[in-house]
């Protein structure tokens, strides 16, 4: 399995952080919000700052296993916030 990484700039509309290829299970995603960063709200395609699955505060990391066809999105209340993303199994 391959490993990829990058910086994603999360905006005020749902921003794709990672997606698992349909039919391919077992992609692990780690998202890290740097210390002092704005809160990032994580969830599915319809994520908003008031309807989300996980609150990622500055200085915190979040890991999830995506199954085939699933995707993880993030959104911030204002401006943008850069987060680090590592993907395993891509």
C-alpha atoms as a PDB file:
ATOM      1  CA  UNK A   1       0.000   0.000   0.000  1.00  0.00           C
ATOM      2  CA  UNK A   2       1.138   3.509  -0.758  1.00  0.00           C
ATOM      3  CA  UNK A   3       1.410   6.462   1.611  1.00  0.00           C
ATOM      4  CA  UNK A   4       0.675  10.049   0.619  1.00  0.00           C
ATOM      5  CA  UNK A   5       0.677  13.321   2.489  1.00  0.00           C
ATOM      6  CA  UNK A   6      -0.114  16.967   1.977  1.00  0.00           C
ATOM      7  CA  UNK A   7      -1.430  20.231   3.310  1.00  0.00           C
ATOM      8  CA  UNK A   8      -5.094  21.010   2.674  1.00  0.00           C
ATOM      9  CA  UNK A   9      -6.510  24.518   3.006  1.00  0.00           C
ATOM     10  CA  UNK A  10      -9.963  24.163   4.577  1.00  0.00           C
ATOM     11  CA  UNK A  11     -12.454  26.903   3.762  1.00  0.00           C
ATOM     12  CA  UNK A  12     -15.916  28.041   4.806  1.00  0.00           C
ATOM     13  CA  UNK A  13     -17.618  25.505   2.535  1.00  0.00           C
ATOM     14  CA  UNK A  14     -17.142  21.732   2.756  1.00  0.00           C
ATOM     15  CA  UNK A  15     -13.563  21.004   1.652  1.00  0.00           C
ATOM     16  CA  UNK A  16     -12.552  17.469   0.631  1.00  0.00           C
ATOM     17  CA  UNK A  17      -9.739  16.156   2.849  1.00  0.00           C
ATOM     18  CA  UNK A  18      -9.631  12.628   1.447  1.00  0.00           C
ATOM     19  CA  UNK A  19     -11.751  10.050  -0.360  1.00  0.00           C
ATOM     20  CA  UNK A  20     -11.448   6.288  -0.621  1.00  0.00           C
ATOM     21  CA  UNK A  21     -11.744   4.768  -4.062  1.00  0.00           C
ATOM     22  CA  UNK A  22     -15.022   2.922  -4.593  1.00  0.00           C
ATOM     23  CA  UNK A  23     -14.549  -0.801  -4.065  1.00  0.00           C
ATOM     24  CA  UNK A  24     -11.358  -0.315  -2.064  1.00  0.00           C
ATOM     25  CA  UNK A  25     -11.605  -0.674   1.702  1.00  0.00           C
ATOM     26  CA  UNK A  26      -9.121   0.167   4.408  1.00  0.00           C
ATOM     27  CA  UNK A  27      -7.767   3.646   3.715  1.00  0.00           C
ATOM     28  CA  UNK A  28      -6.528   5.253   6.954  1.00  0.00           C
ATOM     29  CA  UNK A  29      -6.579   9.053   7.136  1.00  0.00           C
ATOM     30  CA  UNK A  30      -4.833  11.174   9.770  1.00  0.00           C
ATOM     31  CA  UNK A  31      -5.675  14.897   9.933  1.00  0.00           C
ATOM     32  CA  UNK A  32      -3.660  17.235  12.161  1.00  0.00           C
ATOM     33  CA  UNK A  33      -4.646  20.805  12.952  1.00  0.00           C
ATOM     34  CA  UNK A  34      -1.530  22.758  14.038  1.00  0.00           C
ATOM     35  CA  UNK A  35      -1.355  24.333  17.490  1.00  0.00           C
ATOM     36  CA  UNK A  36      -3.064  27.710  17.467  1.00  0.00           C
ATOM     37  CA  UNK A  37      -5.130  26.789  14.405  1.00  0.00           C
ATOM     38  CA  UNK A  38      -8.786  27.650  13.976  1.00  0.00           C
ATOM     39  CA  UNK A  39     -11.305  24.936  14.816  1.00  0.00           C
ATOM     40  CA  UNK A  40     -12.017  22.622  11.866  1.00  0.00           C
ATOM     41  CA  UNK A  41     -15.332  20.762  11.785  1.00  0.00           C
ATOM     42  CA  UNK A  42     -15.136  17.293  10.197  1.00  0.00           C
ATOM     43  CA  UNK A  43     -17.874  15.209   8.616  1.00  0.00           C
ATOM     44  CA  UNK A  44     -19.421  14.106   5.347  1.00  0.00           C
ATOM     45  CA  UNK A  45     -20.142  16.092   2.219  1.00  0.00           C
ATOM     46  CA  UNK A  46     -22.763  18.258   3.972  1.00  0.00           C
ATOM     47  CA  UNK A  47     -20.575  19.238   6.938  1.00  0.00           C
ATOM     48  CA  UNK A  48     -21.132  22.717   8.379  1.00  0.00           C
ATOM     49  CA  UNK A  49     -20.000  24.527  11.504  1.00  0.00           C
ATOM     50  CA  UNK A  50     -23.307  23.596  13.155  1.00  0.00           C
ATOM     51  CA  UNK A  51     -23.788  20.091  11.699  1.00  0.00           C
ATOM     52  CA  UNK A  52     -20.604  18.034  11.993  1.00  0.00           C
ATOM     53  CA  UNK A  53     -19.255  14.743  13.267  1.00  0.00           C
ATOM     54  CA  UNK A  54     -16.042  15.853  14.993  1.00  0.00           C
ATOM     55  CA  UNK A  55     -14.543  19.126  16.218  1.00  0.00           C
ATOM     56  CA  UNK A  56     -10.807  19.329  15.441  1.00  0.00           C
ATOM     57  CA  UNK A  57      -9.322  22.059  17.648  1.00  0.00           C
ATOM     58  CA  UNK A  58      -5.858  23.535  17.120  1.00  0.00           C
ATOM     59  CA  UNK A  59      -3.096  21.176  18.259  1.00  0.00           C
ATOM     60  CA  UNK A  60      -5.276  18.078  17.850  1.00  0.00           C
ATOM     61  CA  UNK A  61      -5.133  15.151  15.391  1.00  0.00           C
ATOM     62  CA  UNK A  62      -7.923  12.840  14.176  1.00  0.00           C
ATOM     63  CA  UNK A  63      -7.648   9.414  12.531  1.00  0.00           C
ATOM     64  CA  UNK A  64     -10.325   7.473  10.664  1.00  0.00           C
ATOM     65  CA  UNK A  65     -10.521   4.416   8.416  1.00  0.00           C
ATOM     66  CA  UNK A  66     -12.493   5.091   5.243  1.00  0.00           C
ATOM     67  CA  UNK A  67     -14.265   2.308   3.409  1.00  0.00           C
ATOM     68  CA  UNK A  68     -14.762   2.193  -0.353  1.00  0.00           C
ATOM     69  CA  UNK A  69     -16.572   5.271  -1.657  1.00  0.00           C
ATOM     70  CA  UNK A  70     -16.427   7.215   1.639  1.00  0.00           C
ATOM     71  CA  UNK A  71     -15.007  10.738   1.905  1.00  0.00           C
ATOM     72  CA  UNK A  72     -13.975  13.064   4.730  1.00  0.00           C
ATOM     73  CA  UNK A  73     -14.645  16.805   4.539  1.00  0.00           C
ATOM     74  CA  UNK A  74     -13.777  19.763   6.734  1.00  0.00           C
ATOM     75  CA  UNK A  75     -15.069  23.314   7.163  1.00  0.00           C
ATOM     76  CA  UNK A  76     -14.111  26.378   9.230  1.00  0.00           C
ATOM     77  CA  UNK A  77     -16.262  29.264  10.513  1.00  0.00           C
ATOM     78  CA  UNK A  78     -14.264  31.996   8.742  1.00  0.00           C
ATOM     79  CA  UNK A  79     -11.254  32.481   6.487  1.00  0.00           C
ATOM     80  CA  UNK A  80      -9.195  29.294   5.953  1.00  0.00           C
ATOM     81  CA  UNK A  81      -7.173  26.834   8.034  1.00  0.00           C
ATOM     82  CA  UNK A  82      -4.380  24.631   6.708  1.00  0.00           C
ATOM     83  CA  UNK A  83      -4.302  21.059   8.033  1.00  0.00           C
ATOM     84  CA  UNK A  84      -1.784  18.267   7.492  1.00  0.00           C
ATOM     85  CA  UNK A  85      -3.178  15.055   6.001  1.00  0.00           C
ATOM     86  CA  UNK A  86      -1.512  11.627   5.780  1.00  0.00           C
ATOM     87  CA  UNK A  87      -3.249   8.884   3.776  1.00  0.00           C
ATOM     88  CA  UNK A  88      -2.309   5.207   4.021  1.00  0.00           C
ATOM     89  CA  UNK A  89      -3.610   2.636   1.612  1.00  0.00           C
ATOM     90  CA  UNK A  90      -4.036   4.941  -1.387  1.00  0.00           C
END
